[in-house]
Amino acid sequence: MSSETQHPTGSAAEAGAAAGPSPATTGGRELTAGVALLSAVVAMVGLMTGGLVAVASLTGRVFGAWTSPEALSPGLIGAAMVGVAPGLFAVGRARVWEEARTLVVPLVIVLVGLFTVSLLNGGELQAAQGGSLFLVLFSLGWVAVLGVLAVGAAVCVLLQYRRPRTPLGAPVSPLPGWTKPFLAVVGSGWLGLGTGLLVRPDFWADLVPWEVNRADAQGLGVWALSLGVGSLGALAEDDLARVRPALIAVPGIALAATVVFAVHASTVDWASGPGVSLIGLVGGLLTTGVVGHRLGARREVAGT
């Protein structure tokens, strides 16, 4: 036991800094294998399924579990699935739950939320609309896989909280004070947008600067809500060492979404108020990830 709590010195410390994260979080709940496995499985499913949907959107095809008026909305959902995957793979390197929860909790929101949205808009599913056989099978598989993953995610998190917890130590890498107002604004913006799209999709869909239907609005709302929860969760953690997986996921999602927006730029009313707000939210997400990585790298260098 004592060997686990000793801090490496000399060449050992240099090797540790080169190999991975800097000083680990002290205290908390030991991360369960179930959470790590769930994250890896969702990452692989997201790369395959989200990649398929995103590539179809980039080629101008409307492809998704439900019918959509334009290719942009399903493309954004697919891009988010691809962009979050690197962060999910990084969850397995966390030692304790507190180093993973800023990404895993939003993951649960996405899985449960998309499954619920798919059921609530069952009449819009490709299976109900009677499209091509491939789209029908895709929509059925989408609902089935989401259902299994949503239940699995809820069980994994419940079991995680049954693990004994020791008091958390002081933050290893506290957030600089100047970053907190920015993070609060970005997180609140995404949280408000996601809540509006989910609760009042018929009203908020009219504020989206491209054409969407109810299922699109709520599907995008799930992702927006999860981004808001994750951003505000990072603010609450106030420790760069405890938000590493989320910091990997955030710029990935922003960059993947930017590619889809760039391809479909002509379908978005960028000059409108919602269009300008969207630029700010996506830009804020990318800035959050880039700044977080730079601050984390600077703290690791300073700690060696």
Protein backbone atom coordinates (compact mmCIF):
# COMPACT_ATOMS: atom_id res chain seq x y z
CA MET A 1 0.00 0.00 0.00
CA SER A 2 2.75 2.45 0.90
CA SER A 3 4.40 2.06 -2.49
CA GLU A 4 1.21 3.24 -4.17
CA THR A 5 1.10 6.48 -2.23
CA GLN A 6 4.75 7.46 -2.66
CA HIS A 7 5.53 10.17 -5.20
CA PRO A 8 8.07 9.24 -7.90
CA THR A 9 11.33 11.15 -7.91
CA GLY A 10 14.21 11.66 -10.30
CA SER A 11 14.09 9.64 -13.51
CA ALA A 12 10.92 7.87 -12.37
CA ALA A 13 9.09 11.18 -12.22
CA GLU A 14 10.34 12.11 -15.68
CA ALA A 15 9.18 8.77 -17.07
CA GLY A 16 5.76 9.21 -15.47
CA ALA A 17 5.38 12.69 -16.93
CA ALA A 18 6.30 11.43 -20.38
CA ALA A 19 4.03 8.42 -20.19
CA GLY A 20 0.80 10.05 -19.13
CA PRO A 21 -1.10 12.39 -16.82
CA SER A 22 0.53 14.38 -14.04
CA PRO A 23 -0.26 13.99 -10.28
CA ALA A 24 -3.39 11.93 -9.81
CA THR A 25 -6.47 12.91 -7.88
CA THR A 26 -6.34 11.86 -4.24
CA GLY A 27 -9.43 10.37 -2.64
CA GLY A 28 -12.73 9.73 -4.36
CA ARG A 29 -14.27 6.48 -5.61
CA GLU A 30 -12.23 3.90 -7.47
CA LEU A 31 -13.39 3.74 -11.08
CA THR A 32 -15.28 0.52 -11.83
CA ALA A 33 -14.43 -1.69 -14.77
CA GLY A 34 -18.05 -1.35 -15.91
CA VAL A 35 -17.77 2.41 -16.48
CA ALA A 36 -14.48 2.02 -18.35
CA LEU A 37 -15.91 -0.79 -20.52
CA LEU A 38 -19.12 1.13 -21.19
CA SER A 39 -17.16 4.17 -22.34
CA ALA A 40 -15.02 2.09 -24.70
CA VAL A 41 -18.05 0.30 -26.17
CA VAL A 42 -19.95 3.55 -26.72
CA ALA A 43 -16.84 5.05 -28.34
CA MET A 44 -16.58 2.17 -30.81
CA VAL A 45 -20.31 2.25 -31.60
CA GLY A 46 -20.13 6.03 -32.01
CA LEU A 47 -17.20 5.84 -34.42
CA MET A 48 -18.99 3.31 -36.61
CA THR A 49 -22.56 4.61 -36.44
CA GLY A 50 -21.78 8.29 -36.12
CA GLY A 51 -19.14 8.02 -38.83
CA LEU A 52 -21.66 6.48 -41.21
CA VAL A 53 -24.25 9.18 -40.53
CA ALA A 54 -21.69 12.01 -40.74
CA VAL A 55 -20.15 10.79 -44.00
CA ALA A 56 -23.60 10.45 -45.54
CA SER A 57 -24.37 14.02 -44.50
CA LEU A 58 -21.09 15.30 -45.95
CA THR A 59 -22.05 13.76 -49.28
CA GLY A 60 -25.44 15.48 -49.15
CA ARG A 61 -27.51 12.44 -48.24
CA VAL A 62 -30.21 12.62 -45.56
CA PHE A 63 -29.40 9.55 -43.49
CA GLY A 64 -30.46 8.85 -39.92
CA ALA A 65 -32.73 6.87 -37.63
CA TRP A 66 -35.63 9.24 -38.30
CA THR A 67 -36.63 11.33 -41.30
CA SER A 68 -35.13 14.83 -41.50
CA PRO A 69 -35.84 17.72 -43.87
CA GLU A 70 -32.10 18.36 -44.40
CA ALA A 71 -28.85 16.45 -44.13
CA LEU A 72 -27.31 18.92 -41.64
CA SER A 73 -29.09 17.81 -38.46
CA PRO A 74 -28.31 14.07 -38.65
CA GLY A 75 -24.79 15.03 -39.77
CA LEU A 76 -24.27 17.05 -36.59
CA ILE A 77 -25.50 14.20 -34.41
CA GLY A 78 -23.16 11.80 -36.21
CA ALA A 79 -20.26 14.26 -35.92
CA ALA A 80 -20.80 14.58 -32.18
CA MET A 81 -20.72 10.80 -31.83
CA VAL A 82 -17.40 10.68 -33.66
CA GLY A 83 -15.91 13.68 -31.89
CA VAL A 84 -16.59 12.41 -28.37
CA ALA A 85 -15.00 8.99 -29.01
CA PRO A 86 -11.36 9.93 -28.16
CA GLY A 87 -12.48 11.29 -24.81
CA LEU A 88 -14.46 8.13 -24.07
CA PHE A 89 -11.43 5.98 -24.80
CA ALA A 90 -9.48 8.12 -22.32
CA VAL A 91 -11.93 7.27 -19.51
CA GLY A 92 -10.20 3.90 -19.14
CA ARG A 93 -7.01 5.69 -18.04
CA ALA A 94 -8.75 7.39 -15.12
CA ARG A 95 -8.08 6.02 -11.64
CA VAL A 96 -11.16 7.30 -9.85
CA TRP A 97 -14.72 8.20 -10.75
CA GLU A 98 -14.05 11.88 -10.09
CA GLU A 99 -11.61 11.91 -13.02
CA ALA A 100 -14.28 10.62 -15.42
CA ARG A 101 -17.66 11.91 -14.27
CA THR A 102 -17.57 15.19 -16.23
CA LEU A 103 -17.73 13.08 -19.39
CA VAL A 104 -19.61 9.97 -18.23
CA VAL A 105 -22.58 11.86 -16.76
CA PRO A 106 -23.15 13.75 -20.06
CA LEU A 107 -22.74 10.39 -21.82
CA VAL A 108 -25.63 8.96 -19.80
CA ILE A 109 -27.71 12.02 -20.72
CA VAL A 110 -26.99 11.43 -24.41
CA LEU A 111 -27.79 7.71 -24.34
CA VAL A 112 -30.98 8.00 -22.28
CA GLY A 113 -32.00 11.20 -24.07
CA LEU A 114 -31.57 9.92 -27.63
CA PHE A 115 -33.34 6.69 -26.76
CA THR A 116 -36.26 8.64 -25.28
CA VAL A 117 -36.39 11.05 -28.23
CA SER A 118 -36.44 8.10 -30.64
CA LEU A 119 -39.40 6.56 -28.80
CA LEU A 120 -41.31 9.83 -28.45
CA ASN A 121 -40.91 10.45 -32.18
CA GLY A 122 -41.51 6.84 -33.18
CA GLY A 123 -43.78 7.89 -36.02
CA GLU A 124 -40.83 9.66 -37.66
CA LEU A 125 -38.51 6.65 -37.52
CA GLN A 126 -37.46 5.25 -40.88
CA ALA A 127 -39.02 1.94 -39.83
CA ALA A 128 -42.40 3.64 -39.39
CA GLN A 129 -42.09 5.72 -42.56
CA GLY A 130 -41.33 2.67 -44.68
CA GLY A 131 -38.14 3.83 -46.35
CA SER A 132 -35.51 1.64 -47.94
CA LEU A 133 -34.75 -1.68 -46.28
CA PHE A 134 -31.32 -0.47 -45.15
CA LEU A 135 -32.77 2.65 -43.48
CA VAL A 136 -35.52 0.60 -41.84
CA LEU A 137 -33.00 -1.86 -40.41
CA PHE A 138 -30.73 1.01 -39.36
CA SER A 139 -33.50 2.74 -37.43
CA LEU A 140 -34.52 -0.51 -35.70
CA GLY A 141 -30.90 -1.20 -34.78
CA TRP A 142 -30.50 2.40 -33.58
CA VAL A 143 -33.38 2.05 -31.12
CA ALA A 144 -32.31 -1.41 -29.95
CA VAL A 145 -28.65 -0.50 -29.40
CA LEU A 146 -29.51 2.80 -27.73
CA GLY A 147 -31.90 1.01 -25.39
CA VAL A 148 -29.27 -1.51 -24.33
CA LEU A 149 -26.59 1.14 -23.89
CA ALA A 150 -28.93 3.47 -21.96
CA VAL A 151 -29.86 0.75 -19.49
CA GLY A 152 -26.22 -0.35 -19.24
CA ALA A 153 -25.09 3.23 -18.59
CA ALA A 154 -27.65 3.75 -15.82
CA VAL A 155 -26.66 0.46 -14.15
CA CYS A 156 -22.93 1.22 -14.41
CA VAL A 157 -23.32 4.64 -12.80
CA LEU A 158 -25.53 3.24 -10.01
CA LEU A 159 -22.95 0.54 -9.28
CA GLN A 160 -20.20 3.16 -9.42
CA TYR A 161 -21.84 5.09 -6.61
CA ARG A 162 -21.94 1.97 -4.47
CA ARG A 163 -18.15 2.02 -4.34
CA PRO A 164 -16.78 3.38 -1.05
CA ARG A 165 -15.62 6.97 -1.21
CA THR A 166 -12.79 8.70 0.57
CA PRO A 167 -12.65 12.51 0.89
CA LEU A 168 -11.19 14.26 -2.12
CA GLY A 169 -7.87 16.00 -1.65
CA ALA A 170 -7.07 19.52 -2.76
CA PRO A 171 -7.33 20.18 -6.52
CA VAL A 172 -4.17 19.17 -8.36
CA SER A 173 -4.54 21.84 -11.07
CA PRO A 174 -7.17 24.45 -10.12
CA LEU A 175 -8.77 26.42 -12.93
CA PRO A 176 -7.38 29.96 -13.29
CA GLY A 177 -9.90 32.52 -12.10
CA TRP A 178 -10.13 34.23 -15.49
CA THR A 179 -11.41 31.03 -17.16
CA LYS A 180 -14.41 30.56 -14.88
CA PRO A 181 -16.73 33.31 -16.19
CA PHE A 182 -16.04 32.17 -19.76
CA LEU A 183 -16.77 28.53 -18.89
CA ALA A 184 -19.94 29.55 -17.05
CA VAL A 185 -21.23 31.49 -20.07
CA VAL A 186 -20.46 28.66 -22.53
CA GLY A 187 -21.97 26.01 -20.26
CA SER A 188 -25.09 28.06 -19.51
CA GLY A 189 -25.58 28.77 -23.21
CA TRP A 190 -25.49 25.12 -24.18
CA LEU A 191 -27.63 24.12 -21.19
CA GLY A 192 -30.29 26.69 -22.01
CA LEU A 193 -30.35 25.78 -25.70
CA GLY A 194 -30.61 22.07 -24.97
CA THR A 195 -33.36 22.51 -22.40
CA GLY A 196 -35.39 24.68 -24.76
CA LEU A 197 -35.07 22.27 -27.70
CA LEU A 198 -36.09 19.33 -25.53
CA VAL A 199 -38.95 20.89 -23.58
CA ARG A 200 -40.41 23.20 -26.24
CA PRO A 201 -39.21 21.75 -29.57
CA ASP A 202 -42.07 23.26 -31.58
CA PHE A 203 -41.14 26.77 -30.42
CA TRP A 204 -37.35 26.47 -30.32
CA ALA A 205 -37.16 24.67 -33.68
CA ASP A 206 -38.17 27.96 -35.32
CA LEU A 207 -35.10 29.58 -33.77
CA VAL A 208 -32.67 27.04 -35.26
CA PRO A 209 -31.03 28.77 -38.27
CA TRP A 210 -31.79 25.88 -40.65
CA GLU A 211 -34.79 23.66 -41.28
CA VAL A 212 -35.44 21.03 -38.61
CA ASN A 213 -38.37 18.89 -37.54
CA ARG A 214 -39.39 17.94 -34.01
CA ALA A 215 -37.15 14.86 -33.84
CA ASP A 216 -34.16 16.84 -35.13
CA ALA A 217 -34.75 19.60 -32.59
CA GLN A 218 -34.96 17.20 -29.67
CA GLY A 219 -32.03 15.09 -30.85
CA LEU A 220 -29.84 18.17 -31.14
CA GLY A 221 -31.24 19.33 -27.80
CA VAL A 222 -29.97 16.18 -26.10
CA TRP A 223 -26.43 16.86 -27.27
CA ALA A 224 -26.66 20.57 -26.39
CA LEU A 225 -27.89 19.70 -22.90
CA SER A 226 -25.06 17.22 -22.38
CA LEU A 227 -22.49 19.81 -23.48
CA GLY A 228 -23.93 22.29 -21.02
CA VAL A 229 -23.89 19.79 -18.16
CA GLY A 230 -20.32 18.78 -19.00
CA SER A 231 -19.07 22.37 -19.18
CA LEU A 232 -20.71 23.40 -15.93
CA GLY A 233 -19.53 20.14 -14.36
CA ALA A 234 -15.94 21.05 -15.25
CA LEU A 235 -16.49 24.41 -13.61
CA ALA A 236 -17.72 22.68 -10.47
CA GLU A 237 -14.76 20.27 -10.45
CA ASP A 238 -12.34 23.22 -10.62
CA ASP A 239 -9.45 20.87 -11.37
CA LEU A 240 -7.85 20.23 -14.76
CA ALA A 241 -6.61 16.87 -13.49
CA ARG A 242 -10.21 15.70 -12.99
CA VAL A 243 -11.57 16.73 -16.39
CA ARG A 244 -8.98 15.24 -18.78
CA PRO A 245 -11.38 12.94 -20.71
CA ALA A 246 -13.84 15.82 -21.14
CA LEU A 247 -11.05 18.12 -22.36
CA ILE A 248 -10.20 15.55 -25.02
CA ALA A 249 -13.83 15.19 -26.10
CA VAL A 250 -14.79 18.87 -26.25
CA PRO A 251 -12.50 20.03 -29.09
CA GLY A 252 -13.21 16.79 -30.96
CA ILE A 253 -16.94 17.50 -30.96
CA ALA A 254 -16.40 21.14 -31.92
CA LEU A 255 -14.08 20.30 -34.81
CA ALA A 256 -16.30 17.50 -36.15
CA ALA A 257 -19.35 19.80 -36.00
CA THR A 258 -17.39 22.58 -37.74
CA VAL A 259 -16.61 20.29 -40.67
CA VAL A 260 -20.30 19.45 -41.10
CA PHE A 261 -21.28 23.12 -40.80
CA ALA A 262 -18.66 24.07 -43.39
CA VAL A 263 -20.03 21.59 -45.91
CA HIS A 264 -23.62 22.73 -45.33
CA ALA A 265 -22.82 26.41 -44.78
CA SER A 266 -25.22 27.52 -47.50
CA THR A 267 -28.21 26.03 -45.66
CA VAL A 268 -27.57 27.99 -42.43
CA ASP A 269 -28.75 31.56 -41.89
CA TRP A 270 -25.50 32.79 -40.32
CA ALA A 271 -26.56 36.44 -40.30
CA SER A 272 -29.53 35.80 -38.01
CA GLY A 273 -29.39 36.11 -34.23
CA PRO A 274 -29.48 32.32 -33.72
CA GLY A 275 -26.76 31.93 -36.38
CA VAL A 276 -24.44 34.36 -34.61
CA SER A 277 -25.20 32.70 -31.26
CA LEU A 278 -24.38 29.31 -32.76
CA ILE A 279 -21.00 30.58 -33.94
CA GLY A 280 -20.30 31.79 -30.42
CA LEU A 281 -21.34 28.51 -28.79
CA VAL A 282 -19.32 26.28 -31.11
CA GLY A 283 -16.37 28.67 -30.97
CA GLY A 284 -16.62 28.74 -27.19
CA LEU A 285 -16.59 24.96 -27.09
CA LEU A 286 -13.46 24.80 -29.23
CA THR A 287 -11.76 27.54 -27.21
CA THR A 288 -12.57 25.73 -23.99
CA GLY A 289 -10.85 22.58 -25.20
CA VAL A 290 -7.79 24.33 -26.63
CA VAL A 291 -7.26 26.54 -23.57
CA GLY A 292 -7.81 23.61 -21.23
CA HIS A 293 -5.20 21.53 -23.03
CA ARG A 294 -2.66 24.37 -22.97
CA LEU A 295 -3.21 25.03 -19.27
CA GLY A 296 -2.99 21.33 -18.48
CA ALA A 297 0.23 20.94 -20.47
CA ARG A 298 1.71 24.00 -18.74
CA ARG A 299 0.86 22.61 -15.29
CA GLU A 300 2.41 19.22 -16.17
CA VAL A 301 5.64 20.90 -17.33
CA ALA A 302 5.72 23.02 -14.20
CA GLY A 303 5.22 19.90 -12.05
CA THR A 304 8.13 17.94 -13.55
